[in-house]
Amino acid sequence: MEHTALARDLFRKGYNCAQAVTGAFHEEMGLPLDKATKLVSSLGGGMGGLRNTCGAVTGMFIVAGALFGYYSPENYDEKKEHYARIRYLASRFEEIHDTIICRELLQSLPGKLKQDPLPRTETYYKIRPCIRFVETAASLLDELIANDGKIPKDE
């Protein structure tokens, strides 16, 4: 199954944004679904409901790190390259959605944003734009994977 569709399906099953994105790539990361989703369970709702960086974005960063990140603190070049990769992913997400901040992405919703997760109902899915963010993050990761982790030179 395509990663974008898989991420969307995971979100519709009740996983948070970070879990949906990370879960869609769990096999590529070498993790079982339960471990991948538990690893990022704190990141939903813009990090535990704080409405900071979008969970789909932080999930995307986790996957990018697992697949293309660096591990040696002495390798400055790899670290520099990976940070550029993360900035690239963030800027591409922002080009599409104008921001990577959860509260800003959800500002059009009626009422005050809750910090606690809401039950997943048909009404929830009708008014929440989050599924689009999950799809974007998965799509951007697919592009990155197709380019072997390299960002386009013109960026």
C-alpha atoms as a PDB file:
ATOM      1  CA  MET A   1       0.000   0.000   0.000  1.00  0.00           C
ATOM      2  CA  GLU A   2       1.229   3.505  -0.804  1.00  0.00           C
ATOM      3  CA  HIS A   3       2.547   5.411   2.245  1.00  0.00           C
ATOM      4  CA  THR A   4       0.146   8.341   1.841  1.00  0.00           C
ATOM      5  CA  ALA A   5      -2.858   6.023   1.843  1.00  0.00           C
ATOM      6  CA  LEU A   6      -1.434   4.007   4.714  1.00  0.00           C
ATOM      7  CA  ALA A   7      -0.845   7.147   6.803  1.00  0.00           C
ATOM      8  CA  ARG A   8      -4.397   8.311   6.063  1.00  0.00           C
ATOM      9  CA  ASP A   9      -5.786   4.905   7.064  1.00  0.00           C
ATOM     10  CA  LEU A  10      -3.828   4.865  10.302  1.00  0.00           C
ATOM     11  CA  PHE A  11      -5.094   8.340  11.175  1.00  0.00           C
ATOM     12  CA  ARG A  12      -8.674   7.264  10.432  1.00  0.00           C
ATOM     13  CA  LYS A  13      -8.154   4.293  12.784  1.00  0.00           C
ATOM     14  CA  GLY A  14      -7.450   6.719  15.630  1.00  0.00           C
ATOM     15  CA  TYR A  15      -3.671   7.081  15.628  1.00  0.00           C
ATOM     16  CA  ASN A  16      -2.455  10.628  16.200  1.00  0.00           C
ATOM     17  CA  CYS A  17      -0.772  12.559  13.368  1.00  0.00           C
ATOM     18  CA  ALA A  18       2.774  11.598  14.355  1.00  0.00           C
ATOM     19  CA  GLN A  19       1.805   7.957  14.792  1.00  0.00           C
ATOM     20  CA  ALA A  20       0.029   7.857  11.434  1.00  0.00           C
ATOM     21  CA  VAL A  21       3.074   9.177   9.566  1.00  0.00           C
ATOM     22  CA  THR A  22       5.625   7.119  11.468  1.00  0.00           C
ATOM     23  CA  GLY A  23       3.438   4.033  11.360  1.00  0.00           C
ATOM     24  CA  ALA A  24       3.169   4.282   7.586  1.00  0.00           C
ATOM     25  CA  PHE A  25       6.964   3.897   7.372  1.00  0.00           C
ATOM     26  CA  HIS A  26       7.493   1.435  10.237  1.00  0.00           C
ATOM     27  CA  GLU A  27       8.775  -1.330   7.950  1.00  0.00           C
ATOM     28  CA  GLU A  28      11.332   0.964   6.294  1.00  0.00           C
ATOM     29  CA  MET A  29      12.468   1.985   9.777  1.00  0.00           C
ATOM     30  CA  GLY A  30      12.849  -1.662  10.779  1.00  0.00           C
ATOM     31  CA  LEU A  31      10.278  -1.412  13.563  1.00  0.00           C
ATOM     32  CA  PRO A  32       7.045  -3.241  14.246  1.00  0.00           C
ATOM     33  CA  LEU A  33       4.004  -0.967  14.045  1.00  0.00           C
ATOM     34  CA  ASP A  34       3.419  -1.014  17.809  1.00  0.00           C
ATOM     35  CA  LYS A  35       6.992   0.103  18.565  1.00  0.00           C
ATOM     36  CA  ALA A  36       6.977   2.829  15.901  1.00  0.00           C
ATOM     37  CA  THR A  37       3.673   4.265  17.086  1.00  0.00           C
ATOM     38  CA  LYS A  38       4.599   4.051  20.763  1.00  0.00           C
ATOM     39  CA  LEU A  39       7.887   5.848  20.058  1.00  0.00           C
ATOM     40  CA  VAL A  40       6.050   8.924  18.765  1.00  0.00           C
ATOM     41  CA  SER A  41       2.881   8.732  20.849  1.00  0.00           C
ATOM     42  CA  SER A  42       3.913  11.864  22.777  1.00  0.00           C
ATOM     43  CA  LEU A  43       4.029  14.021  19.652  1.00  0.00           C
ATOM     44  CA  GLY A  44       0.325  14.160  18.748  1.00  0.00           C
ATOM     45  CA  GLY A  45      -1.616  17.387  19.133  1.00  0.00           C
ATOM     46  CA  GLY A  46       1.503  19.429  18.511  1.00  0.00           C
ATOM     47  CA  MET A  47       3.468  17.562  21.187  1.00  0.00           C
ATOM     48  CA  GLY A  48       1.146  16.232  23.861  1.00  0.00           C
ATOM     49  CA  GLY A  49      -1.659  18.659  23.025  1.00  0.00           C
ATOM     50  CA  LEU A  50       0.526  21.747  23.469  1.00  0.00           C
ATOM     51  CA  ARG A  51      -0.312  22.718  19.867  1.00  0.00           C
ATOM     52  CA  ASN A  52       3.306  23.440  18.976  1.00  0.00           C
ATOM     53  CA  THR A  53       4.985  21.696  15.998  1.00  0.00           C
ATOM     54  CA  CYS A  54       2.421  19.590  14.120  1.00  0.00           C
ATOM     55  CA  GLY A  55       2.561  15.881  14.890  1.00  0.00           C
ATOM     56  CA  ALA A  56       2.614  15.013  11.186  1.00  0.00           C
ATOM     57  CA  VAL A  57       5.726  17.172  10.838  1.00  0.00           C
ATOM     58  CA  THR A  58       7.500  15.744  13.879  1.00  0.00           C
ATOM     59  CA  GLY A  59       6.591  12.237  12.712  1.00  0.00           C
ATOM     60  CA  MET A  60       8.071  13.106   9.316  1.00  0.00           C
ATOM     61  CA  PHE A  61      11.270  14.271  11.029  1.00  0.00           C
ATOM     62  CA  ILE A  62      11.483  11.030  13.031  1.00  0.00           C
ATOM     63  CA  VAL A  63      11.178   8.930   9.871  1.00  0.00           C
ATOM     64  CA  ALA A  64      13.748  11.094   8.046  1.00  0.00           C
ATOM     65  CA  GLY A  65      16.140  10.647  10.955  1.00  0.00           C
ATOM     66  CA  ALA A  66      15.618   6.902  11.117  1.00  0.00           C
ATOM     67  CA  LEU A  67      16.214   6.521   7.389  1.00  0.00           C
ATOM     68  CA  PHE A  68      18.815   9.191   6.630  1.00  0.00           C
ATOM     69  CA  GLY A  69      20.046  10.625   9.929  1.00  0.00           C
ATOM     70  CA  TYR A  70      23.544  10.619  11.351  1.00  0.00           C
ATOM     71  CA  TYR A  71      24.794   8.805  14.438  1.00  0.00           C
ATOM     72  CA  SER A  72      28.344  10.002  14.993  1.00  0.00           C
ATOM     73  CA  PRO A  73      28.596  13.255  16.954  1.00  0.00           C
ATOM     74  CA  GLU A  74      32.008  13.846  15.417  1.00  0.00           C
ATOM     75  CA  ASN A  75      30.744  13.791  11.834  1.00  0.00           C
ATOM     76  CA  TYR A  76      29.891  17.447  11.373  1.00  0.00           C
ATOM     77  CA  ASP A  77      29.257  17.081   7.634  1.00  0.00           C
ATOM     78  CA  GLU A  78      26.587  14.395   8.144  1.00  0.00           C
ATOM     79  CA  LYS A  79      24.987  16.450  10.896  1.00  0.00           C
ATOM     80  CA  LYS A  80      24.960  19.558   8.698  1.00  0.00           C
ATOM     81  CA  GLU A  81      23.491  17.586   5.780  1.00  0.00           C
ATOM     82  CA  HIS A  82      20.767  16.084   7.950  1.00  0.00           C
ATOM     83  CA  TYR A  83      19.758  19.414   9.473  1.00  0.00           C
ATOM     84  CA  ALA A  84      19.482  20.815   5.940  1.00  0.00           C
ATOM     85  CA  ARG A  85      17.261  17.840   5.057  1.00  0.00           C
ATOM     86  CA  ILE A  86      14.972  18.583   8.006  1.00  0.00           C
ATOM     87  CA  ARG A  87      14.791  22.283   7.131  1.00  0.00           C
ATOM     88  CA  TYR A  88      13.954  21.310   3.558  1.00  0.00           C
ATOM     89  CA  LEU A  89      11.090  19.055   4.691  1.00  0.00           C
ATOM     90  CA  ALA A  90       9.783  21.805   6.986  1.00  0.00           C
ATOM     91  CA  SER A  91       9.924  24.415   4.222  1.00  0.00           C
ATOM     92  CA  ARG A  92       8.138  22.124   1.753  1.00  0.00           C
ATOM     93  CA  PHE A  93       5.384  21.457   4.308  1.00  0.00           C
ATOM     94  CA  GLU A  94       5.110  25.215   4.936  1.00  0.00           C
ATOM     95  CA  GLU A  95       4.872  25.915   1.197  1.00  0.00           C
ATOM     96  CA  ILE A  96       1.797  23.716   1.096  1.00  0.00           C
ATOM     97  CA  HIS A  97       0.145  24.586   4.438  1.00  0.00           C
ATOM     98  CA  ASP A  98       1.711  27.983   5.360  1.00  0.00           C
ATOM     99  CA  THR A  99       3.002  26.776   8.743  1.00  0.00           C
ATOM    100  CA  ILE A 100       4.242  23.754  10.677  1.00  0.00           C
ATOM    101  CA  ILE A 101       2.606  24.889  13.949  1.00  0.00           C
ATOM    102  CA  CYS A 102      -0.416  22.845  15.039  1.00  0.00           C
ATOM    103  CA  ARG A 103      -2.406  25.726  16.563  1.00  0.00           C
ATOM    104  CA  GLU A 104      -1.961  27.758  13.383  1.00  0.00           C
ATOM    105  CA  LEU A 105      -2.933  24.825  11.167  1.00  0.00           C
ATOM    106  CA  LEU A 106      -6.113  24.389  13.227  1.00  0.00           C
ATOM    107  CA  GLN A 107      -6.998  28.057  13.706  1.00  0.00           C
ATOM    108  CA  SER A 108     -10.049  27.816  11.449  1.00  0.00           C
ATOM    109  CA  LEU A 109     -11.724  25.276  13.747  1.00  0.00           C
ATOM    110  CA  PRO A 110     -14.656  26.583  15.796  1.00  0.00           C
ATOM    111  CA  GLY A 111     -14.119  27.155  19.514  1.00  0.00           C
ATOM    112  CA  LYS A 112     -11.037  26.862  21.663  1.00  0.00           C
ATOM    113  CA  LEU A 113      -8.549  24.110  20.837  1.00  0.00           C
ATOM    114  CA  LYS A 114      -8.489  21.396  23.467  1.00  0.00           C
ATOM    115  CA  GLN A 115      -5.265  19.965  24.807  1.00  0.00           C
ATOM    116  CA  ASP A 116      -6.753  16.558  25.505  1.00  0.00           C
ATOM    117  CA  PRO A 117      -7.457  14.298  22.531  1.00  0.00           C
ATOM    118  CA  LEU A 118     -11.020  14.213  21.285  1.00  0.00           C
ATOM    119  CA  PRO A 119     -12.965  11.045  20.512  1.00  0.00           C
ATOM    120  CA  ARG A 120     -12.736  10.125  16.849  1.00  0.00           C
ATOM    121  CA  THR A 121     -16.201  10.467  15.379  1.00  0.00           C
ATOM    122  CA  GLU A 122     -17.470  11.176  11.874  1.00  0.00           C
ATOM    123  CA  THR A 123     -17.964  14.811  12.928  1.00  0.00           C
ATOM    124  CA  TYR A 124     -14.353  14.962  14.082  1.00  0.00           C
ATOM    125  CA  TYR A 125     -13.120  13.713  10.708  1.00  0.00           C
ATOM    126  CA  LYS A 126     -15.413  16.099   8.813  1.00  0.00           C
ATOM    127  CA  ILE A 127     -14.099  19.248  10.496  1.00  0.00           C
ATOM    128  CA  ARG A 128     -10.462  18.330  11.234  1.00  0.00           C
ATOM    129  CA  PRO A 129      -7.977  19.154   8.465  1.00  0.00           C
ATOM    130  CA  CYS A 130      -5.308  16.912  10.050  1.00  0.00           C
ATOM    131  CA  ILE A 131      -5.666  14.113   7.521  1.00  0.00           C
ATOM    132  CA  ARG A 132      -4.314  16.490   4.843  1.00  0.00           C
ATOM    133  CA  PHE A 133      -1.221  17.170   6.974  1.00  0.00           C
ATOM    134  CA  VAL A 134      -0.607  13.454   7.464  1.00  0.00           C
ATOM    135  CA  GLU A 135      -0.901  12.894   3.711  1.00  0.00           C
ATOM    136  CA  THR A 136       1.488  15.755   2.945  1.00  0.00           C
ATOM    137  CA  ALA A 137       4.116  14.488   5.380  1.00  0.00           C
ATOM    138  CA  ALA A 138       3.953  10.952   3.960  1.00  0.00           C
ATOM    139  CA  SER A 139       4.152  12.267   0.404  1.00  0.00           C
ATOM    140  CA  LEU A 140       7.185  14.428   1.209  1.00  0.00           C
ATOM    141  CA  LEU A 141       8.893  11.410   2.760  1.00  0.00           C
ATOM    142  CA  ASP A 142       8.180   9.340  -0.330  1.00  0.00           C
ATOM    143  CA  GLU A 143       9.827  12.049  -2.443  1.00  0.00           C
ATOM    144  CA  LEU A 144      12.838  12.085  -0.112  1.00  0.00           C
ATOM    145  CA  ILE A 145      13.144   8.295  -0.260  1.00  0.00           C
ATOM    146  CA  ALA A 146      12.899   8.362  -4.051  1.00  0.00           C
ATOM    147  CA  ASN A 147      15.868  10.787  -4.013  1.00  0.00           C
ATOM    148  CA  ASP A 148      17.878   8.570  -1.626  1.00  0.00           C
ATOM    149  CA  GLY A 149      17.630  11.220   1.076  1.00  0.00           C
ATOM    150  CA  LYS A 150      19.113  13.959  -1.075  1.00  0.00           C
ATOM    151  CA  ILE A 151      17.425  17.326  -1.255  1.00  0.00           C
ATOM    152  CA  PRO A 152      17.144  18.989  -4.655  1.00  0.00           C
ATOM    153  CA  LYS A 153      20.163  21.167  -5.445  1.00  0.00           C
ATOM    154  CA  ASP A 154      18.021  24.212  -6.232  1.00  0.00           C
ATOM    155  CA  GLU A 155      16.704  24.304  -2.655  1.00  0.00           C
END
